[in-house]
Amino acid sequence: MPSSDEVKVACLFDLDGTLLDFEEASFGALNTALGDLRDPSTGCEVTGKMHVSIIGTRKEHWSKQLLEEAKVPPSKLTPEQYVKNWEKALEAQYPKLGLMPGTIEMLAFLKKHSIPAALATSSDRATCDQKLAYQKDIRDAMQFVITGSDVDNGKPAPDPFLAAAKGLGVPIEKCVVFEDAAERRQIRAGGRGHRLRDDRQAVLGRQPRVVWPRRRDARQPR
């Protein structure tokens, strides 16, 4: 890889919902994980809007939030057990996960132009490894991977992106960050940010849009 002085731009990618089509499978698993407690007639379920609100956050945070919103007391299901149920429900889905539209083309663009790239995901290391085991194209394109296990402060803090840039040996100011979550955490990290569109999120309660940098020195890939 070129030295940091030679690198004109590097790319930092979120994984789920940005490169990997994960969120639909995760949404189903979040409800499956409730088991017999799930009862839409009483509001005890994870709705699309609830799911979208926790995208990109850590397990210890979203599990507590979702159970509170679904009005499930810890005496019936603890956040820790909920996460275990969710992980078990997802195990069979990992080999079936596809790529988000445009991922193959983007990875080819990076390779063609020798652009350094790294992942910065909220998933813990074990979960990230499970996902990437079936995604050779993504693995081969990334020079560095930062997971939620590698930083003290996960998203929406900018720490994962800052750590990914450091791992590449590239100043964050030279990085373009690709992220699907609503928070502008990539901008707060100091890099230029592109928020990627998934029209399914609009159906679930969020109006997504493509965010290209508006600075004069920003350029869309060609």
C-alpha atoms as a PDB file:
ATOM      1  CA  MET A   1       0.000   0.000   0.000  1.00  0.00           C
ATOM      2  CA  PRO A   2       1.314   3.516  -0.780  1.00  0.00           C
ATOM      3  CA  SER A   3       2.609   5.699   2.032  1.00  0.00           C
ATOM      4  CA  SER A   4       0.203   8.169   3.634  1.00  0.00           C
ATOM      5  CA  ASP A   5       1.907  11.015   1.753  1.00  0.00           C
ATOM      6  CA  GLU A   6       1.226   9.291  -1.566  1.00  0.00           C
ATOM      7  CA  VAL A   7      -2.409   8.429  -0.808  1.00  0.00           C
ATOM      8  CA  LYS A   8      -4.820  11.050  -2.173  1.00  0.00           C
ATOM      9  CA  VAL A   9      -7.946   9.402  -0.787  1.00  0.00           C
ATOM     10  CA  ALA A  10      -8.940   6.333   1.235  1.00  0.00           C
ATOM     11  CA  CYS A  11     -12.385   4.811   1.801  1.00  0.00           C
ATOM     12  CA  LEU A  12     -13.887   3.692   5.108  1.00  0.00           C
ATOM     13  CA  PHE A  13     -16.995   1.523   4.968  1.00  0.00           C
ATOM     14  CA  ASP A  14     -19.700   0.541   7.372  1.00  0.00           C
ATOM     15  CA  LEU A  15     -20.648  -3.108   6.733  1.00  0.00           C
ATOM     16  CA  ASP A  16     -24.310  -3.879   7.451  1.00  0.00           C
ATOM     17  CA  GLY A  17     -26.672  -2.069   5.122  1.00  0.00           C
ATOM     18  CA  THR A  18     -23.779  -0.419   3.294  1.00  0.00           C
ATOM     19  CA  LEU A  19     -21.885  -3.288   1.678  1.00  0.00           C
ATOM     20  CA  LEU A  20     -23.765  -6.280   3.093  1.00  0.00           C
ATOM     21  CA  ASP A  21     -27.542  -6.715   2.824  1.00  0.00           C
ATOM     22  CA  PHE A  22     -27.983  -7.623   6.475  1.00  0.00           C
ATOM     23  CA  GLU A  23     -30.723  -5.492   7.960  1.00  0.00           C
ATOM     24  CA  GLU A  24     -33.714  -7.409   6.581  1.00  0.00           C
ATOM     25  CA  ALA A  25     -32.422 -10.668   8.055  1.00  0.00           C
ATOM     26  CA  SER A  26     -31.640  -8.887  11.323  1.00  0.00           C
ATOM     27  CA  PHE A  27     -35.147  -7.419  11.506  1.00  0.00           C
ATOM     28  CA  GLY A  28     -36.725 -10.852  11.220  1.00  0.00           C
ATOM     29  CA  ALA A  29     -34.368 -12.282  13.828  1.00  0.00           C
ATOM     30  CA  LEU A  30     -35.181  -9.485  16.284  1.00  0.00           C
ATOM     31  CA  ASN A  31     -38.794 -10.616  16.327  1.00  0.00           C
ATOM     32  CA  THR A  32     -37.977 -14.330  16.301  1.00  0.00           C
ATOM     33  CA  ALA A  33     -35.767 -13.713  19.344  1.00  0.00           C
ATOM     34  CA  LEU A  34     -38.800 -12.591  21.354  1.00  0.00           C
ATOM     35  CA  GLY A  35     -40.135 -16.144  21.154  1.00  0.00           C
ATOM     36  CA  ASP A  36     -43.564 -16.745  22.646  1.00  0.00           C
ATOM     37  CA  LEU A  37     -43.541 -13.258  24.166  1.00  0.00           C
ATOM     38  CA  ARG A  38     -44.158 -11.681  20.786  1.00  0.00           C
ATOM     39  CA  ASP A  39     -47.740 -10.463  20.524  1.00  0.00           C
ATOM     40  CA  PRO A  40     -48.461  -7.701  17.970  1.00  0.00           C
ATOM     41  CA  SER A  41     -51.948  -7.223  19.450  1.00  0.00           C
ATOM     42  CA  THR A  42     -50.392  -5.897  22.674  1.00  0.00           C
ATOM     43  CA  GLY A  43     -47.503  -4.057  21.028  1.00  0.00           C
ATOM     44  CA  CYS A  44     -44.974  -6.662  22.069  1.00  0.00           C
ATOM     45  CA  GLU A  45     -42.981  -6.780  18.853  1.00  0.00           C
ATOM     46  CA  VAL A  46     -40.170  -4.999  17.052  1.00  0.00           C
ATOM     47  CA  THR A  47     -41.605  -2.687  14.434  1.00  0.00           C
ATOM     48  CA  GLY A  48     -39.775  -1.438  11.373  1.00  0.00           C
ATOM     49  CA  LYS A  49     -39.439   2.000  12.922  1.00  0.00           C
ATOM     50  CA  MET A  50     -37.931   0.514  16.096  1.00  0.00           C
ATOM     51  CA  HIS A  51     -35.489  -1.533  14.052  1.00  0.00           C
ATOM     52  CA  VAL A  52     -34.315   1.411  11.986  1.00  0.00           C
ATOM     53  CA  SER A  53     -33.685   3.424  15.160  1.00  0.00           C
ATOM     54  CA  ILE A  54     -31.062   0.936  16.427  1.00  0.00           C
ATOM     55  CA  ILE A  55     -29.144   0.314  13.190  1.00  0.00           C
ATOM     56  CA  GLY A  56     -25.420   0.706  13.766  1.00  0.00           C
ATOM     57  CA  THR A  57     -25.563   0.572  17.575  1.00  0.00           C
ATOM     58  CA  ARG A  58     -24.060  -1.999  19.931  1.00  0.00           C
ATOM     59  CA  LYS A  59     -25.875  -5.089  21.158  1.00  0.00           C
ATOM     60  CA  GLU A  60     -25.786  -4.035  24.798  1.00  0.00           C
ATOM     61  CA  HIS A  61     -27.538  -0.810  23.830  1.00  0.00           C
ATOM     62  CA  TRP A  62     -30.138  -1.932  21.291  1.00  0.00           C
ATOM     63  CA  SER A  63     -31.213  -5.031  23.223  1.00  0.00           C
ATOM     64  CA  LYS A  64     -32.183  -2.969  26.260  1.00  0.00           C
ATOM     65  CA  GLN A  65     -33.844  -0.283  24.136  1.00  0.00           C
ATOM     66  CA  LEU A  66     -35.960  -2.691  22.093  1.00  0.00           C
ATOM     67  CA  LEU A  67     -37.150  -4.675  25.105  1.00  0.00           C
ATOM     68  CA  GLU A  68     -38.156  -1.479  26.879  1.00  0.00           C
ATOM     69  CA  GLU A  69     -40.067  -0.236  23.828  1.00  0.00           C
ATOM     70  CA  ALA A  70     -41.739  -3.635  23.413  1.00  0.00           C
ATOM     71  CA  LYS A  71     -42.638  -3.524  27.133  1.00  0.00           C
ATOM     72  CA  VAL A  72     -40.850  -6.781  27.937  1.00  0.00           C
ATOM     73  CA  PRO A  73     -39.635  -6.772  31.580  1.00  0.00           C
ATOM     74  CA  PRO A  74     -36.234  -8.300  32.457  1.00  0.00           C
ATOM     75  CA  SER A  75     -38.064 -10.884  34.557  1.00  0.00           C
ATOM     76  CA  LYS A  76     -39.410 -12.388  31.328  1.00  0.00           C
ATOM     77  CA  LEU A  77     -36.454 -11.787  29.006  1.00  0.00           C
ATOM     78  CA  THR A  78     -33.127 -10.159  29.831  1.00  0.00           C
ATOM     79  CA  PRO A  79     -31.225  -8.098  27.251  1.00  0.00           C
ATOM     80  CA  GLU A  80     -28.405 -10.645  27.393  1.00  0.00           C
ATOM     81  CA  GLN A  81     -30.702 -13.583  26.596  1.00  0.00           C
ATOM     82  CA  TYR A  82     -32.426 -11.555  23.903  1.00  0.00           C
ATOM     83  CA  VAL A  83     -29.086 -11.042  22.151  1.00  0.00           C
ATOM     84  CA  LYS A  84     -28.325 -14.768  22.389  1.00  0.00           C
ATOM     85  CA  ASN A  85     -31.720 -15.599  20.869  1.00  0.00           C
ATOM     86  CA  TRP A  86     -31.094 -13.076  18.073  1.00  0.00           C
ATOM     87  CA  GLU A  87     -27.661 -14.503  17.310  1.00  0.00           C
ATOM     88  CA  LYS A  88     -29.055 -18.046  17.179  1.00  0.00           C
ATOM     89  CA  ALA A  89     -31.846 -16.954  14.823  1.00  0.00           C
ATOM     90  CA  LEU A  90     -29.260 -15.373  12.506  1.00  0.00           C
ATOM     91  CA  GLU A  91     -26.795 -18.260  12.311  1.00  0.00           C
ATOM     92  CA  ALA A  92     -28.548 -19.945   9.394  1.00  0.00           C
ATOM     93  CA  GLN A  93     -28.839 -16.631   7.544  1.00  0.00           C
ATOM     94  CA  TYR A  94     -25.142 -15.752   7.222  1.00  0.00           C
ATOM     95  CA  PRO A  95     -24.446 -17.973   4.176  1.00  0.00           C
ATOM     96  CA  LYS A  96     -27.509 -16.500   2.440  1.00  0.00           C
ATOM     97  CA  LEU A  97     -26.703 -12.814   2.887  1.00  0.00           C
ATOM     98  CA  GLY A  98     -26.243 -10.921  -0.348  1.00  0.00           C
ATOM     99  CA  LEU A  99     -24.455  -7.701  -1.190  1.00  0.00           C
ATOM    100  CA  MET A 100     -26.062  -4.290  -1.376  1.00  0.00           C
ATOM    101  CA  PRO A 101     -26.625  -2.922  -4.891  1.00  0.00           C
ATOM    102  CA  GLY A 102     -23.464  -1.323  -6.233  1.00  0.00           C
ATOM    103  CA  THR A 103     -21.084  -3.129  -3.879  1.00  0.00           C
ATOM    104  CA  ILE A 104     -19.360  -5.192  -6.566  1.00  0.00           C
ATOM    105  CA  GLU A 105     -18.920  -2.122  -8.757  1.00  0.00           C
ATOM    106  CA  MET A 106     -17.515  -0.098  -5.871  1.00  0.00           C
ATOM    107  CA  LEU A 107     -15.055  -2.799  -4.887  1.00  0.00           C
ATOM    108  CA  ALA A 108     -13.914  -3.064  -8.508  1.00  0.00           C
ATOM    109  CA  PHE A 109     -13.460   0.723  -8.606  1.00  0.00           C
ATOM    110  CA  LEU A 110     -11.262   0.594  -5.506  1.00  0.00           C
ATOM    111  CA  LYS A 111      -9.112  -2.142  -6.994  1.00  0.00           C
ATOM    112  CA  LYS A 112      -8.784  -0.439 -10.387  1.00  0.00           C
ATOM    113  CA  HIS A 113      -7.581   2.810  -8.828  1.00  0.00           C
ATOM    114  CA  SER A 114      -5.558   1.236  -5.977  1.00  0.00           C
ATOM    115  CA  ILE A 115      -7.596   3.075  -3.338  1.00  0.00           C
ATOM    116  CA  PRO A 116      -6.963   1.874   0.241  1.00  0.00           C
ATOM    117  CA  ALA A 117     -10.088   0.730   2.070  1.00  0.00           C
ATOM    118  CA  ALA A 118     -11.079  -0.403   5.549  1.00  0.00           C
ATOM    119  CA  LEU A 119     -14.202  -1.596   7.355  1.00  0.00           C
ATOM    120  CA  ALA A 120     -15.561   0.056  10.496  1.00  0.00           C
ATOM    121  CA  THR A 121     -18.476  -1.980  11.848  1.00  0.00           C
ATOM    122  CA  SER A 122     -20.434  -1.971  15.097  1.00  0.00           C
ATOM    123  CA  SER A 123     -20.508  -5.780  15.079  1.00  0.00           C
ATOM    124  CA  ASP A 124     -18.199  -7.485  17.534  1.00  0.00           C
ATOM    125  CA  ARG A 125     -15.201  -9.335  16.155  1.00  0.00           C
ATOM    126  CA  ALA A 126     -16.760 -12.814  16.288  1.00  0.00           C
ATOM    127  CA  THR A 127     -19.946 -11.708  14.528  1.00  0.00           C
ATOM    128  CA  CYS A 128     -18.021  -9.749  11.898  1.00  0.00           C
ATOM    129  CA  ASP A 129     -15.853 -12.801  11.185  1.00  0.00           C
ATOM    130  CA  GLN A 130     -18.983 -14.934  10.768  1.00  0.00           C
ATOM    131  CA  LYS A 131     -20.386 -12.523   8.197  1.00  0.00           C
ATOM    132  CA  LEU A 132     -17.151 -12.067   6.257  1.00  0.00           C
ATOM    133  CA  ALA A 133     -16.499 -15.811   6.120  1.00  0.00           C
ATOM    134  CA  TYR A 134     -19.026 -15.906   3.263  1.00  0.00           C
ATOM    135  CA  GLN A 135     -18.025 -12.586   1.650  1.00  0.00           C
ATOM    136  CA  LYS A 136     -14.685 -13.076  -0.124  1.00  0.00           C
ATOM    137  CA  ASP A 137     -15.153 -10.009  -2.330  1.00  0.00           C
ATOM    138  CA  ILE A 138     -15.412  -7.729   0.697  1.00  0.00           C
ATOM    139  CA  ARG A 139     -12.586  -9.452   2.589  1.00  0.00           C
ATOM    140  CA  ASP A 140     -10.199  -9.167  -0.331  1.00  0.00           C
ATOM    141  CA  ALA A 141     -10.948  -5.469  -0.868  1.00  0.00           C
ATOM    142  CA  MET A 142     -10.267  -4.365   2.726  1.00  0.00           C
ATOM    143  CA  GLN A 143      -6.787  -3.738   4.054  1.00  0.00           C
ATOM    144  CA  PHE A 144      -8.009  -3.270   7.622  1.00  0.00           C
ATOM    145  CA  VAL A 145     -11.073  -4.141   9.711  1.00  0.00           C
ATOM    146  CA  ILE A 146     -12.239  -2.395  12.879  1.00  0.00           C
ATOM    147  CA  THR A 147     -15.089  -3.943  14.874  1.00  0.00           C
ATOM    148  CA  GLY A 148     -17.030  -2.922  17.942  1.00  0.00           C
ATOM    149  CA  SER A 149     -14.652  -5.101  19.966  1.00  0.00           C
ATOM    150  CA  ASP A 150     -11.700  -2.903  19.023  1.00  0.00           C
ATOM    151  CA  VAL A 151     -12.846   0.483  20.353  1.00  0.00           C
ATOM    152  CA  ASP A 152     -14.075   1.794  23.688  1.00  0.00           C
ATOM    153  CA  ASN A 153     -16.782   3.962  22.169  1.00  0.00           C
ATOM    154  CA  GLY A 154     -18.858   2.448  19.397  1.00  0.00           C
ATOM    155  CA  LYS A 155     -21.084   4.238  16.907  1.00  0.00           C
ATOM    156  CA  PRO A 156     -22.575   6.813  16.859  1.00  0.00           C
ATOM    157  CA  ALA A 157     -19.226   7.992  18.279  1.00  0.00           C
ATOM    158  CA  PRO A 158     -16.692   8.440  15.445  1.00  0.00           C
ATOM    159  CA  ASP A 159     -14.102   6.185  17.128  1.00  0.00           C
ATOM    160  CA  PRO A 160     -14.488   3.183  14.756  1.00  0.00           C
ATOM    161  CA  PHE A 161     -13.825   5.359  11.706  1.00  0.00           C
ATOM    162  CA  LEU A 162     -10.898   7.116  13.371  1.00  0.00           C
ATOM    163  CA  ALA A 163      -9.395   3.734  14.289  1.00  0.00           C
ATOM    164  CA  ALA A 164      -9.911   2.434  10.744  1.00  0.00           C
ATOM    165  CA  ALA A 165      -8.122   5.447   9.279  1.00  0.00           C
ATOM    166  CA  LYS A 166      -5.283   4.958  11.742  1.00  0.00           C
ATOM    167  CA  GLY A 167      -5.077   1.294  10.781  1.00  0.00           C
ATOM    168  CA  LEU A 168      -4.659   2.285   7.145  1.00  0.00           C
ATOM    169  CA  GLY A 169      -2.065   4.854   8.115  1.00  0.00           C
ATOM    170  CA  VAL A 170      -4.079   7.583   6.368  1.00  0.00           C
ATOM    171  CA  PRO A 171      -5.175  10.900   7.974  1.00  0.00           C
ATOM    172  CA  ILE A 172      -8.918  11.007   8.529  1.00  0.00           C
ATOM    173  CA  GLU A 173      -9.042  14.199   6.467  1.00  0.00           C
ATOM    174  CA  LYS A 174      -8.135  12.130   3.414  1.00  0.00           C
ATOM    175  CA  CYS A 175     -10.879   9.581   4.034  1.00  0.00           C
ATOM    176  CA  VAL A 176     -14.320   9.269   2.490  1.00  0.00           C
ATOM    177  CA  VAL A 177     -16.748   7.438   4.782  1.00  0.00           C
ATOM    178  CA  PHE A 178     -19.680   5.373   3.494  1.00  0.00           C
ATOM    179  CA  GLU A 179     -22.458   4.797   6.019  1.00  0.00           C
ATOM    180  CA  ASP A 180     -26.172   3.974   5.877  1.00  0.00           C
ATOM    181  CA  ALA A 181     -27.217   5.145   9.350  1.00  0.00           C
ATOM    182  CA  ALA A 182     -28.909   8.494   9.772  1.00  0.00           C
ATOM    183  CA  GLU A 183     -26.459  10.086  12.196  1.00  0.00           C
ATOM    184  CA  ARG A 184     -23.712  12.117  10.544  1.00  0.00           C
ATOM    185  CA  ARG A 185     -21.078  10.314  12.611  1.00  0.00           C
ATOM    186  CA  GLN A 186     -18.774  10.155   9.606  1.00  0.00           C
ATOM    187  CA  ILE A 187     -18.722  13.956   9.362  1.00  0.00           C
ATOM    188  CA  ARG A 188     -17.975  14.288  13.069  1.00  0.00           C
ATOM    189  CA  ALA A 189     -15.070  11.917  12.552  1.00  0.00           C
ATOM    190  CA  GLY A 190     -13.476  14.519  10.312  1.00  0.00           C
ATOM    191  CA  GLY A 191     -13.805  12.663   7.024  1.00  0.00           C
ATOM    192  CA  ARG A 192     -16.054  13.371   4.057  1.00  0.00           C
ATOM    193  CA  GLY A 193     -19.240  11.365   4.344  1.00  0.00           C
ATOM    194  CA  HIS A 194     -21.553   9.621   1.914  1.00  0.00           C
ATOM    195  CA  ARG A 195     -24.801   8.286   3.314  1.00  0.00           C
ATOM    196  CA  LEU A 196     -26.046   5.442   1.139  1.00  0.00           C
ATOM    197  CA  ARG A 197     -29.675   4.932   0.196  1.00  0.00           C
ATOM    198  CA  ASP A 198     -31.829   1.915   0.992  1.00  0.00           C
ATOM    199  CA  ASP A 199     -35.404   2.553  -0.132  1.00  0.00           C
ATOM    200  CA  ARG A 200     -36.667  -0.127   2.255  1.00  0.00           C
ATOM    201  CA  GLN A 201     -35.843   2.175   5.177  1.00  0.00           C
ATOM    202  CA  ALA A 202     -38.408   4.690   3.946  1.00  0.00           C
ATOM    203  CA  VAL A 203     -41.066   1.994   4.250  1.00  0.00           C
ATOM    204  CA  LEU A 204     -39.883   1.307   7.794  1.00  0.00           C
ATOM    205  CA  GLY A 205     -40.257   4.890   8.902  1.00  0.00           C
ATOM    206  CA  ARG A 206     -37.158   6.770   7.769  1.00  0.00           C
ATOM    207  CA  GLN A 207     -36.730   8.919   4.699  1.00  0.00           C
ATOM    208  CA  PRO A 208     -33.250   8.109   3.431  1.00  0.00           C
ATOM    209  CA  ARG A 209     -31.313  10.126   0.920  1.00  0.00           C
ATOM    210  CA  VAL A 210     -27.934  10.060  -0.723  1.00  0.00           C
ATOM    211  CA  VAL A 211     -25.596  12.551   0.904  1.00  0.00           C
ATOM    212  CA  TRP A 212     -22.663  13.629  -1.218  1.00  0.00           C
ATOM    213  CA  PRO A 213     -20.125  16.078   0.184  1.00  0.00           C
ATOM    214  CA  ARG A 214     -20.862  19.696  -0.679  1.00  0.00           C
ATOM    215  CA  ARG A 215     -17.328  20.939  -0.218  1.00  0.00           C
ATOM    216  CA  ARG A 216     -15.660  22.266  -3.335  1.00  0.00           C
ATOM    217  CA  ASP A 217     -12.860  19.707  -3.153  1.00  0.00           C
ATOM    218  CA  ALA A 218     -15.287  16.766  -2.979  1.00  0.00           C
ATOM    219  CA  ARG A 219     -15.826  14.645  -6.039  1.00  0.00           C
ATOM    220  CA  GLN A 220     -18.201  11.826  -6.838  1.00  0.00           C
ATOM    221  CA  PRO A 221     -16.429   8.659  -8.040  1.00  0.00           C
ATOM    222  CA  ARG A 222     -16.453   8.316 -11.791  1.00  0.00           C
END
